[in-house]
C-alpha atoms as a PDB file:
ATOM      1  CA  MET A   1       0.000   0.000   0.000  1.00  0.00           C
ATOM      2  CA  PRO A   2       1.439   3.385  -0.965  1.00  0.00           C
ATOM      3  CA  TYR A   3       2.471   5.541   1.983  1.00  0.00           C
ATOM      4  CA  LYS A   4       0.089   8.353   1.003  1.00  0.00           C
ATOM      5  CA  GLU A   5      -2.828   5.903   1.216  1.00  0.00           C
ATOM      6  CA  ILE A   6      -1.758   4.831   4.722  1.00  0.00           C
ATOM      7  CA  LYS A   7      -1.834   8.495   5.759  1.00  0.00           C
ATOM      8  CA  GLY A   8      -5.109   9.178   3.932  1.00  0.00           C
ATOM      9  CA  LEU A   9      -3.527  11.889   1.786  1.00  0.00           C
ATOM     10  CA  LYS A  10      -4.386  12.911  -1.751  1.00  0.00           C
ATOM     11  CA  ALA A  11      -2.360  15.858  -3.031  1.00  0.00           C
ATOM     12  CA  GLN A  12      -0.793  16.984   0.249  1.00  0.00           C
ATOM     13  CA  ASN A  13       2.945  16.888   0.902  1.00  0.00           C
ATOM     14  CA  LEU A  14       3.765  13.593   2.598  1.00  0.00           C
ATOM     15  CA  ARG A  15       6.547  14.998   4.808  1.00  0.00           C
ATOM     16  CA  ASP A  16       4.180  17.550   6.303  1.00  0.00           C
ATOM     17  CA  HIS A  17       2.202  14.642   7.748  1.00  0.00           C
ATOM     18  CA  MET A  18       5.008  12.454   9.105  1.00  0.00           C
ATOM     19  CA  ASN A  19       5.627  12.015  12.811  1.00  0.00           C
ATOM     20  CA  GLU A  20       9.087  12.495  14.322  1.00  0.00           C
ATOM     21  CA  ALA A  21      10.185   8.867  13.900  1.00  0.00           C
ATOM     22  CA  GLU A  22       9.010   8.708  10.280  1.00  0.00           C
ATOM     23  CA  LEU A  23      10.990  11.856   9.479  1.00  0.00           C
ATOM     24  CA  ILE A  24      14.111  10.524  11.203  1.00  0.00           C
ATOM     25  CA  PHE A  25      14.068   7.210   9.335  1.00  0.00           C
ATOM     26  CA  THR A  26      13.425   9.016   6.041  1.00  0.00           C
ATOM     27  CA  ALA A  27      16.426  11.245   6.749  1.00  0.00           C
ATOM     28  CA  LEU A  28      18.524   8.165   7.615  1.00  0.00           C
ATOM     29  CA  ALA A  29      17.596   6.552   4.288  1.00  0.00           C
ATOM     30  CA  GLU A  30      18.488   9.714   2.374  1.00  0.00           C
ATOM     31  CA  LEU A  31      21.773  10.255   4.212  1.00  0.00           C
ATOM     32  CA  SER A  32      22.789   6.605   3.804  1.00  0.00           C
ATOM     33  CA  THR A  33      21.929   6.690   0.113  1.00  0.00           C
ATOM     34  CA  ARG A  34      23.902   9.875  -0.503  1.00  0.00           C
ATOM     35  CA  GLN A  35      26.976   8.676   1.379  1.00  0.00           C
ATOM     36  CA  ILE A  36      26.939   5.282  -0.363  1.00  0.00           C
ATOM     37  CA  ALA A  37      26.589   6.970  -3.766  1.00  0.00           C
ATOM     38  CA  GLU A  38      29.480   9.310  -2.955  1.00  0.00           C
ATOM     39  CA  SER A  39      31.706   6.505  -1.648  1.00  0.00           C
ATOM     40  CA  VAL A  40      31.371   4.494  -4.859  1.00  0.00           C
ATOM     41  CA  ASP A  41      31.343   7.602  -7.073  1.00  0.00           C
ATOM     42  CA  ALA A  42      27.975   6.535  -8.492  1.00  0.00           C
ATOM     43  CA  SER A  43      27.011   7.970 -11.848  1.00  0.00           C
ATOM     44  CA  GLY A  44      23.958   7.279 -13.921  1.00  0.00           C
ATOM     45  CA  MET A  45      20.565   5.931 -13.015  1.00  0.00           C
ATOM     46  CA  SER A  46      21.477   2.303 -12.335  1.00  0.00           C
ATOM     47  CA  GLU A  47      24.379   3.048  -9.972  1.00  0.00           C
ATOM     48  CA  ASN A  48      22.354   5.638  -8.056  1.00  0.00           C
ATOM     49  CA  ALA A  49      19.352   3.297  -7.905  1.00  0.00           C
ATOM     50  CA  GLU A  50      21.596   0.634  -6.370  1.00  0.00           C
ATOM     51  CA  ALA A  51      22.843   3.150  -3.785  1.00  0.00           C
ATOM     52  CA  GLY A  52      19.206   4.041  -3.086  1.00  0.00           C
ATOM     53  CA  LYS A  53      18.292   0.413  -2.457  1.00  0.00           C
ATOM     54  CA  LYS A  54      21.214   0.006  -0.069  1.00  0.00           C
ATOM     55  CA  GLY A  55      20.400   3.246   1.771  1.00  0.00           C
ATOM     56  CA  GLY A  56      16.758   2.248   2.077  1.00  0.00           C
ATOM     57  CA  LYS A  57      17.763  -1.164   3.399  1.00  0.00           C
ATOM     58  CA  ILE A  58      19.828   0.468   6.160  1.00  0.00           C
ATOM     59  CA  ALA A  59      16.872   2.621   7.265  1.00  0.00           C
ATOM     60  CA  LYS A  60      14.468  -0.319   7.040  1.00  0.00           C
ATOM     61  CA  SER A  61      16.727  -2.449   9.199  1.00  0.00           C
ATOM     62  CA  ALA A  62      16.983   0.313  11.815  1.00  0.00           C
ATOM     63  CA  ARG A  63      13.205   0.864  11.751  1.00  0.00           C
ATOM     64  CA  LEU A  64      12.461  -2.832  12.195  1.00  0.00           C
ATOM     65  CA  GLU A  65      14.926  -3.039  15.087  1.00  0.00           C
ATOM     66  CA  LEU A  66      13.255  -0.097  16.844  1.00  0.00           C
ATOM     67  CA  GLU A  67       9.800  -1.588  16.273  1.00  0.00           C
ATOM     68  CA  LYS A  68      11.009  -4.898  17.692  1.00  0.00           C
ATOM     69  CA  LYS A  69      12.434  -3.224  20.819  1.00  0.00           C
ATOM     70  CA  THR A  70       9.424  -0.957  21.458  1.00  0.00           C
ATOM     71  CA  GLY A  71       6.592  -3.149  20.212  1.00  0.00           C
ATOM     72  CA  LYS A  72       5.224  -0.115  18.330  1.00  0.00           C
ATOM     73  CA  SER A  73       5.003   0.560  14.621  1.00  0.00           C
ATOM     74  CA  VAL A  74       6.912   3.583  13.358  1.00  0.00           C
ATOM     75  CA  VAL A  75       4.577   3.904  10.371  1.00  0.00           C
ATOM     76  CA  THR A  76       1.171   5.209  11.435  1.00  0.00           C
ATOM     77  CA  SER A  77      -1.953   6.467   9.721  1.00  0.00           C
ATOM     78  CA  GLU A  78      -1.684   9.611  11.862  1.00  0.00           C
ATOM     79  CA  ASN A  79      -1.568  12.763   9.784  1.00  0.00           C
ATOM     80  CA  PHE A  80      -1.783  16.448  10.480  1.00  0.00           C
ATOM     81  CA  LEU A  81      -4.737  17.307   8.275  1.00  0.00           C
ATOM     82  CA  PRO A  82      -7.131  19.802   9.792  1.00  0.00           C
ATOM     83  CA  PRO A  83     -10.184  18.035  11.203  1.00  0.00           C
ATOM     84  CA  THR A  84     -13.112  17.982   8.849  1.00  0.00           C
ATOM     85  CA  LYS A  85     -15.960  20.190   9.940  1.00  0.00           C
ATOM     86  CA  PRO A  86     -19.391  18.586  10.065  1.00  0.00           C
ATOM     87  CA  VAL A  87     -21.752  19.929   7.440  1.00  0.00           C
ATOM     88  CA  LYS A  88     -24.482  21.954   9.094  1.00  0.00           C
ATOM     89  CA  GLN A  89     -27.920  20.810   8.040  1.00  0.00           C
ATOM     90  CA  ILE A  90     -30.476  23.531   7.446  1.00  0.00           C
ATOM     91  CA  GLU A  91     -33.843  22.883   9.014  1.00  0.00           C
ATOM     92  CA  PRO A  92     -36.632  23.360   6.472  1.00  0.00           C
ATOM     93  CA  THR A  93     -39.053  26.155   7.262  1.00  0.00           C
ATOM     94  CA  PRO A  94     -42.617  26.493   5.986  1.00  0.00           C
ATOM     95  CA  ASP A  95     -41.640  29.352   3.672  1.00  0.00           C
ATOM     96  CA  MET A  96     -39.175  27.041   1.851  1.00  0.00           C
ATOM     97  CA  GLY A  97     -42.070  25.179   0.244  1.00  0.00           C
ATOM     98  CA  VAL A  98     -40.968  21.784   1.573  1.00  0.00           C
ATOM     99  CA  ASP A  99     -43.748  19.291   2.273  1.00  0.00           C
ATOM    100  CA  ASP A 100     -43.392  16.655   4.982  1.00  0.00           C
ATOM    101  CA  GLU A 101     -45.527  14.227   2.952  1.00  0.00           C
END
């Protein structure tokens, strides 16, 4: 399931709706990927994609270890969307021409 679906997002920015742990593990994946790519002097799509897979694997491993130790999932459906306001129903009045029949 795509991450945006887990969060219940449509067009909103995913990072704006991540909790602290989700942001930290995302940053770990990005940092790991960049440092791996730099260490092997990656160039081109395939070499950078390989660095991305390795960086993502490092963050995944760390996330799974934390989840194992805490018994809590890092990934949550929690988002920071404003609460939806209930739609106010208008009571019909006799001058509206609405029949109860």
